[in-house]
Amino acid sequence: MDSLQVELTTLEERGWQALSEGTGAEFYDAFLTDDAIMILPFAVLDRTAAIAAMRDAPPWSASSLSDVLVVRLGEAAAMLVYRATAQREGQPEYRALMSTTYERIEDEWLVKLHQQTPLS
């Protein structure tokens, strides 16, 4: 793994950890660009709606990332692509292909776009 892949994977894992601890809304409030979009299985959400959905969602009890790749999109943008496996208490396992596009703003990587494709 190169340093960018390590940095973005660590940031993505921190986001999953926050979602597991019930602090996802607060975490992503600090790490979403002002014009961020999240494409989820149930809706396309802007920044405000995404944070509200995280605030109302039950926490994940387990999550893991695998098959992680980074696609560089220039000096100030990159996409992290991975397979996620996660579970909420009492619910079936959720498996999806995911991508998170990051934009570097003032020396910090922020989420510009996040997309999930559930696997059956």
Protein backbone atom coordinates (compact mmCIF):
# COMPACT_ATOMS: atom_id res chain seq x y z
CA MET A 1 0.00 0.00 0.00
CA ASP A 2 1.29 3.45 -0.80
CA SER A 3 0.97 6.35 1.65
CA LEU A 4 -2.18 7.78 0.03
CA GLN A 5 -3.94 4.41 0.20
CA VAL A 6 -2.97 4.06 3.87
CA GLU A 7 -4.17 7.59 4.66
CA LEU A 8 -7.53 7.25 2.90
CA THR A 9 -8.16 3.71 4.17
CA THR A 10 -7.45 4.88 7.71
CA LEU A 11 -9.87 7.78 7.28
CA GLU A 12 -12.55 5.46 5.85
CA GLU A 13 -12.07 3.03 8.75
CA ARG A 14 -12.37 5.92 11.21
CA GLY A 15 -15.72 6.75 9.59
CA TRP A 16 -16.94 3.16 10.00
CA GLN A 17 -15.75 3.22 13.63
CA ALA A 18 -17.73 6.41 14.26
CA LEU A 19 -20.81 4.82 12.69
CA SER A 20 -20.32 1.86 15.04
CA GLU A 21 -20.02 4.12 18.07
CA GLY A 22 -23.10 6.18 17.20
CA THR A 23 -21.00 9.27 16.45
CA GLY A 24 -21.13 9.04 12.65
CA ALA A 25 -23.10 12.27 12.24
CA GLU A 26 -20.52 14.23 14.20
CA PHE A 27 -17.60 12.58 12.40
CA TYR A 28 -18.99 13.19 8.92
CA ASP A 29 -20.06 16.73 9.80
CA ALA A 30 -16.32 17.43 10.02
CA PHE A 31 -15.29 15.29 7.00
CA LEU A 32 -17.88 16.02 4.28
CA THR A 33 -17.38 18.81 1.76
CA ASP A 34 -20.11 21.45 1.71
CA ASP A 35 -21.48 19.99 -1.54
CA ALA A 36 -21.03 16.29 -0.65
CA ILE A 37 -23.40 13.67 -2.02
CA MET A 38 -24.05 10.16 -0.73
CA ILE A 39 -25.58 7.57 -3.07
CA LEU A 40 -27.06 4.92 -0.81
CA PRO A 41 -29.30 1.93 -1.59
CA PHE A 42 -32.35 3.86 -0.39
CA ALA A 43 -31.68 7.42 -1.65
CA VAL A 44 -29.34 10.06 -2.99
CA LEU A 45 -28.60 12.42 -0.11
CA ASP A 46 -26.99 15.83 0.08
CA ARG A 47 -24.73 16.74 3.00
CA THR A 48 -27.53 17.83 5.33
CA ALA A 49 -29.74 14.80 4.64
CA ALA A 50 -26.78 12.38 4.92
CA ILE A 51 -25.82 13.70 8.35
CA ALA A 52 -29.46 13.52 9.49
CA ALA A 53 -29.72 9.91 8.25
CA MET A 54 -26.55 8.98 10.16
CA ARG A 55 -27.93 10.57 13.29
CA ASP A 56 -31.11 8.45 13.04
CA ALA A 57 -29.47 5.16 11.96
CA PRO A 58 -28.74 2.36 14.42
CA PRO A 59 -25.01 1.77 14.91
CA TRP A 60 -23.11 -0.96 13.11
CA SER A 61 -21.91 -3.72 15.41
CA ALA A 62 -19.21 -4.96 13.00
CA SER A 63 -17.56 -3.83 9.77
CA SER A 64 -14.59 -4.70 7.60
CA LEU A 65 -13.05 -3.41 4.39
CA SER A 66 -11.27 -5.55 1.82
CA ASP A 67 -9.98 -5.39 -1.76
CA VAL A 68 -9.06 -1.74 -1.23
CA LEU A 69 -7.85 0.27 -4.23
CA VAL A 70 -7.03 3.93 -4.72
CA VAL A 71 -7.68 5.77 -7.97
CA ARG A 72 -5.83 9.06 -8.17
CA LEU A 73 -7.92 11.79 -9.79
CA GLY A 74 -5.28 14.52 -9.80
CA GLU A 75 -3.31 16.43 -7.21
CA ALA A 76 -6.29 17.17 -4.96
CA ALA A 77 -8.67 14.27 -5.51
CA ALA A 78 -8.69 10.49 -5.15
CA MET A 79 -11.21 7.69 -4.99
CA LEU A 80 -11.08 4.82 -2.50
CA VAL A 81 -12.78 1.70 -3.85
CA TYR A 82 -13.43 -1.33 -1.64
CA ARG A 83 -15.66 -4.21 -0.63
CA ALA A 84 -17.43 -3.69 2.71
CA THR A 85 -19.00 -6.22 5.01
CA ALA A 86 -20.98 -4.86 7.95
CA GLN A 87 -23.71 -5.89 10.33
CA ARG A 88 -26.14 -4.26 12.70
CA GLU A 89 -27.35 -6.05 15.82
CA GLY A 90 -30.13 -8.49 14.94
CA GLN A 91 -29.95 -7.80 11.20
CA PRO A 92 -28.49 -9.77 8.29
CA GLU A 93 -24.97 -9.06 7.11
CA TYR A 94 -24.66 -6.15 4.64
CA ARG A 95 -22.18 -6.61 1.82
CA ALA A 96 -21.50 -3.93 -0.78
CA LEU A 97 -19.02 -2.51 -3.21
CA MET A 98 -18.25 1.04 -2.18
CA SER A 99 -16.40 4.05 -3.44
CA THR A 100 -15.58 7.25 -1.65
CA THR A 101 -14.23 10.20 -3.59
CA TYR A 102 -12.07 12.49 -1.52
CA GLU A 103 -11.09 16.09 -2.23
CA ARG A 104 -8.05 17.63 -0.58
CA ILE A 105 -8.99 21.00 0.87
CA GLU A 106 -6.50 22.98 2.94
CA ASP A 107 -4.30 19.89 3.53
CA GLU A 108 -7.19 17.72 4.68
CA TRP A 109 -8.99 14.92 2.80
CA LEU A 110 -12.77 15.43 2.81
CA VAL A 111 -15.53 13.24 1.39
CA LYS A 112 -17.00 14.67 -1.80
CA LEU A 113 -18.99 11.62 -2.94
CA HIS A 114 -19.78 8.25 -1.41
CA GLN A 115 -21.54 5.47 -3.31
CA GLN A 116 -22.71 1.98 -2.29
CA THR A 117 -23.68 -0.95 -4.52
CA PRO A 118 -25.19 -3.74 -2.40
CA LEU A 119 -24.17 -7.30 -3.22
CA SER A 120 -26.85 -9.97 -3.12
